Amino acid sequence: MAAELGIEAHVLRHWEDVGALTVRRDRNGYRVYDDEAVEQARTVLKLRRVGLSLPEVIAAMAPEKSAAQAVVQAKIADLEGEVARRLQAITFLRHTAECRHRYLDDCPDCAAFVRGA
């Protein structure tokens, strides 16, 4: 299962330990990854790859839709804030790369970027 997902087996065990993944056991105690467990693992992996922490993943997979949506909406807001900060950083860096002033302190535009940070 881990190889199919491209992750280490200990990651699957950890997800199970923290409650992000439910895996059935056979009579001998071996994990059985049925279709439901495989789909659940894929969902956990996708949510982790888009930036959710394991507690957020667990909450996002909660049976109560409104609780899950609240977690996802909060993550969207976090990501949008990060995008805005990165765009500001790009704007600042582009300006500094093209700035005619030798030192950033000498440039009113650079100083304005710094004060706005």
C-alpha atoms as a PDB file:
ATOM      1  CA  MET A   1       0.000   0.000   0.000  1.00  0.00           C
ATOM      2  CA  ALA A   2       2.774   2.432   0.940  1.00  0.00           C
ATOM      3  CA  ALA A   3       4.624   1.762  -2.313  1.00  0.00           C
ATOM      4  CA  GLU A   4       1.438   2.320  -4.300  1.00  0.00           C
ATOM      5  CA  LEU A   5       1.036   5.737  -2.678  1.00  0.00           C
ATOM      6  CA  GLY A   6       4.737   6.568  -2.943  1.00  0.00           C
ATOM      7  CA  ILE A   7       5.225   6.960   0.810  1.00  0.00           C
ATOM      8  CA  GLU A   8       6.977   5.037   3.561  1.00  0.00           C
ATOM      9  CA  ALA A   9       5.100   2.343   5.488  1.00  0.00           C
ATOM     10  CA  HIS A  10       5.792   4.108   8.779  1.00  0.00           C
ATOM     11  CA  VAL A  11       3.789   7.081   7.489  1.00  0.00           C
ATOM     12  CA  LEU A  12       0.718   4.879   7.053  1.00  0.00           C
ATOM     13  CA  ARG A  13       1.209   3.459  10.537  1.00  0.00           C
ATOM     14  CA  HIS A  14       1.522   6.990  11.939  1.00  0.00           C
ATOM     15  CA  TRP A  15      -1.654   8.104  10.184  1.00  0.00           C
ATOM     16  CA  GLU A  16      -3.400   5.125  11.718  1.00  0.00           C
ATOM     17  CA  ASP A  17      -1.945   5.866  15.181  1.00  0.00           C
ATOM     18  CA  VAL A  18      -3.208   9.460  15.157  1.00  0.00           C
ATOM     19  CA  GLY A  19      -6.644   8.567  13.801  1.00  0.00           C
ATOM     20  CA  ALA A  20      -6.313   9.940  10.272  1.00  0.00           C
ATOM     21  CA  LEU A  21      -6.603   6.455   8.754  1.00  0.00           C
ATOM     22  CA  THR A  22      -8.730   3.487   9.738  1.00  0.00           C
ATOM     23  CA  VAL A  23      -7.390   0.108   8.692  1.00  0.00           C
ATOM     24  CA  ARG A  24      -9.102  -3.191   9.348  1.00  0.00           C
ATOM     25  CA  ARG A  25      -7.073  -6.074  10.791  1.00  0.00           C
ATOM     26  CA  ASP A  26      -7.373  -9.740   9.917  1.00  0.00           C
ATOM     27  CA  ARG A  27      -7.515 -12.563  12.482  1.00  0.00           C
ATOM     28  CA  ASN A  28      -3.724 -12.548  12.755  1.00  0.00           C
ATOM     29  CA  GLY A  29      -3.550  -8.817  13.362  1.00  0.00           C
ATOM     30  CA  TYR A  30      -2.249  -7.911   9.909  1.00  0.00           C
ATOM     31  CA  ARG A  31      -3.513  -4.716   8.337  1.00  0.00           C
ATOM     32  CA  VAL A  32      -5.974  -5.179   5.486  1.00  0.00           C
ATOM     33  CA  TYR A  33      -6.119  -2.275   3.073  1.00  0.00           C
ATOM     34  CA  ASP A  34      -9.532  -2.730   1.484  1.00  0.00           C
ATOM     35  CA  ASP A  35     -10.904  -0.279  -1.089  1.00  0.00           C
ATOM     36  CA  GLU A  36     -12.240   2.016   1.634  1.00  0.00           C
ATOM     37  CA  ALA A  37      -8.877   2.184   3.426  1.00  0.00           C
ATOM     38  CA  VAL A  38      -7.052   2.797   0.141  1.00  0.00           C
ATOM     39  CA  GLU A  39      -9.402   5.650  -0.734  1.00  0.00           C
ATOM     40  CA  GLN A  40      -9.063   7.090   2.763  1.00  0.00           C
ATOM     41  CA  ALA A  41      -5.253   6.920   2.530  1.00  0.00           C
ATOM     42  CA  ARG A  42      -5.326   8.671  -0.851  1.00  0.00           C
ATOM     43  CA  THR A  43      -7.494  11.402   0.626  1.00  0.00           C
ATOM     44  CA  VAL A  44      -5.140  11.867   3.593  1.00  0.00           C
ATOM     45  CA  LEU A  45      -2.169  12.036   1.225  1.00  0.00           C
ATOM     46  CA  LYS A  46      -3.853  14.590  -1.032  1.00  0.00           C
ATOM     47  CA  LEU A  47      -4.854  16.767   1.921  1.00  0.00           C
ATOM     48  CA  ARG A  48      -1.307  16.585   3.319  1.00  0.00           C
ATOM     49  CA  ARG A  49       0.129  17.546  -0.074  1.00  0.00           C
ATOM     50  CA  VAL A  50      -2.070  20.650  -0.271  1.00  0.00           C
ATOM     51  CA  GLY A  51      -0.756  21.765   3.099  1.00  0.00           C
ATOM     52  CA  LEU A  52      -3.081  20.483   5.798  1.00  0.00           C
ATOM     53  CA  SER A  53      -1.520  19.272   9.041  1.00  0.00           C
ATOM     54  CA  LEU A  54      -2.617  15.881  10.343  1.00  0.00           C
ATOM     55  CA  PRO A  55      -4.999  17.447  12.889  1.00  0.00           C
ATOM     56  CA  GLU A  56      -6.475  19.524  10.054  1.00  0.00           C
ATOM     57  CA  VAL A  57      -6.752  16.401   7.882  1.00  0.00           C
ATOM     58  CA  ILE A  58      -8.608  14.577  10.630  1.00  0.00           C
ATOM     59  CA  ALA A  59     -10.975  17.527  11.062  1.00  0.00           C
ATOM     60  CA  ALA A  60     -11.437  17.908   7.294  1.00  0.00           C
ATOM     61  CA  MET A  61     -12.425  14.244   7.050  1.00  0.00           C
ATOM     62  CA  ALA A  62     -14.900  14.499   9.919  1.00  0.00           C
ATOM     63  CA  PRO A  63     -18.366  13.143   9.239  1.00  0.00           C
ATOM     64  CA  GLU A  64     -19.933  16.507  10.074  1.00  0.00           C
ATOM     65  CA  LYS A  65     -19.770  18.494   6.830  1.00  0.00           C
ATOM     66  CA  SER A  66     -19.835  21.942   8.449  1.00  0.00           C
ATOM     67  CA  ALA A  67     -16.815  21.142  10.645  1.00  0.00           C
ATOM     68  CA  ALA A  68     -14.902  19.805   7.655  1.00  0.00           C
ATOM     69  CA  GLN A  69     -15.786  22.864   5.586  1.00  0.00           C
ATOM     70  CA  ALA A  70     -14.639  25.201   8.359  1.00  0.00           C
ATOM     71  CA  VAL A  71     -11.192  23.583   8.368  1.00  0.00           C
ATOM     72  CA  VAL A  72     -10.936  23.778   4.594  1.00  0.00           C
ATOM     73  CA  GLN A  73     -12.100  27.410   4.525  1.00  0.00           C
ATOM     74  CA  ALA A  74      -9.509  28.316   7.174  1.00  0.00           C
ATOM     75  CA  LYS A  75      -6.776  26.632   5.119  1.00  0.00           C
ATOM     76  CA  ILE A  76      -7.909  28.501   2.017  1.00  0.00           C
ATOM     77  CA  ALA A  77      -7.655  31.797   3.926  1.00  0.00           C
ATOM     78  CA  ASP A  78      -4.167  30.849   5.170  1.00  0.00           C
ATOM     79  CA  LEU A  79      -3.016  29.959   1.662  1.00  0.00           C
ATOM     80  CA  GLU A  80      -4.482  33.143   0.177  1.00  0.00           C
ATOM     81  CA  GLY A  81      -2.617  35.168   2.817  1.00  0.00           C
ATOM     82  CA  GLU A  82       0.581  33.327   1.972  1.00  0.00           C
ATOM     83  CA  VAL A  83       0.074  33.985  -1.741  1.00  0.00           C
ATOM     84  CA  ALA A  84      -0.444  37.694  -1.025  1.00  0.00           C
ATOM     85  CA  ARG A  85       2.738  37.835   1.082  1.00  0.00           C
ATOM     86  CA  ARG A  86       4.717  36.041  -1.625  1.00  0.00           C
ATOM     87  CA  LEU A  87       3.404  38.383  -4.310  1.00  0.00           C
ATOM     88  CA  GLN A  88       4.478  41.349  -2.180  1.00  0.00           C
ATOM     89  CA  ALA A  89       7.905  39.752  -1.789  1.00  0.00           C
ATOM     90  CA  ILE A  90       8.195  39.286  -5.558  1.00  0.00           C
ATOM     91  CA  THR A  91       7.192  42.899  -6.160  1.00  0.00           C
ATOM     92  CA  PHE A  92       9.766  44.100  -3.625  1.00  0.00           C
ATOM     93  CA  LEU A  93      12.536  41.895  -5.010  1.00  0.00           C
ATOM     94  CA  ARG A  94      11.792  42.908  -8.604  1.00  0.00           C
ATOM     95  CA  HIS A  95      11.989  46.542  -7.590  1.00  0.00           C
ATOM     96  CA  THR A  96      15.267  46.069  -5.706  1.00  0.00           C
ATOM     97  CA  ALA A  97      16.748  44.182  -8.664  1.00  0.00           C
ATOM     98  CA  GLU A  98      15.914  47.102 -10.947  1.00  0.00           C
ATOM     99  CA  CYS A  99      16.351  49.954  -8.477  1.00  0.00           C
ATOM    100  CA  ARG A 100      18.656  52.742  -9.622  1.00  0.00           C
ATOM    101  CA  HIS A 101      19.768  53.474  -6.055  1.00  0.00           C
ATOM    102  CA  ARG A 102      22.935  51.839  -4.813  1.00  0.00           C
ATOM    103  CA  TYR A 103      21.557  51.223  -1.325  1.00  0.00           C
ATOM    104  CA  LEU A 104      17.983  50.258  -0.479  1.00  0.00           C
ATOM    105  CA  ASP A 105      17.945  52.886   2.284  1.00  0.00           C
ATOM    106  CA  ASP A 106      18.460  55.587  -0.351  1.00  0.00           C
ATOM    107  CA  CYS A 107      15.328  54.614  -2.289  1.00  0.00           C
ATOM    108  CA  PRO A 108      11.956  55.962  -1.148  1.00  0.00           C
ATOM    109  CA  ASP A 109      10.139  53.078  -2.891  1.00  0.00           C
ATOM    110  CA  CYS A 110      12.299  50.470  -1.161  1.00  0.00           C
ATOM    111  CA  ALA A 111      11.792  52.216   2.161  1.00  0.00           C
ATOM    112  CA  ALA A 112       8.022  52.188   1.572  1.00  0.00           C
ATOM    113  CA  PHE A 113       8.112  48.433   0.922  1.00  0.00           C
ATOM    114  CA  VAL A 114      10.067  47.901   4.137  1.00  0.00           C
ATOM    115  CA  ARG A 115       7.699  50.045   6.221  1.00  0.00           C
ATOM    116  CA  GLY A 116       4.701  48.201   4.755  1.00  0.00           C
ATOM    117  CA  ALA A 117       6.101  44.761   5.616  1.00  0.00           C
END
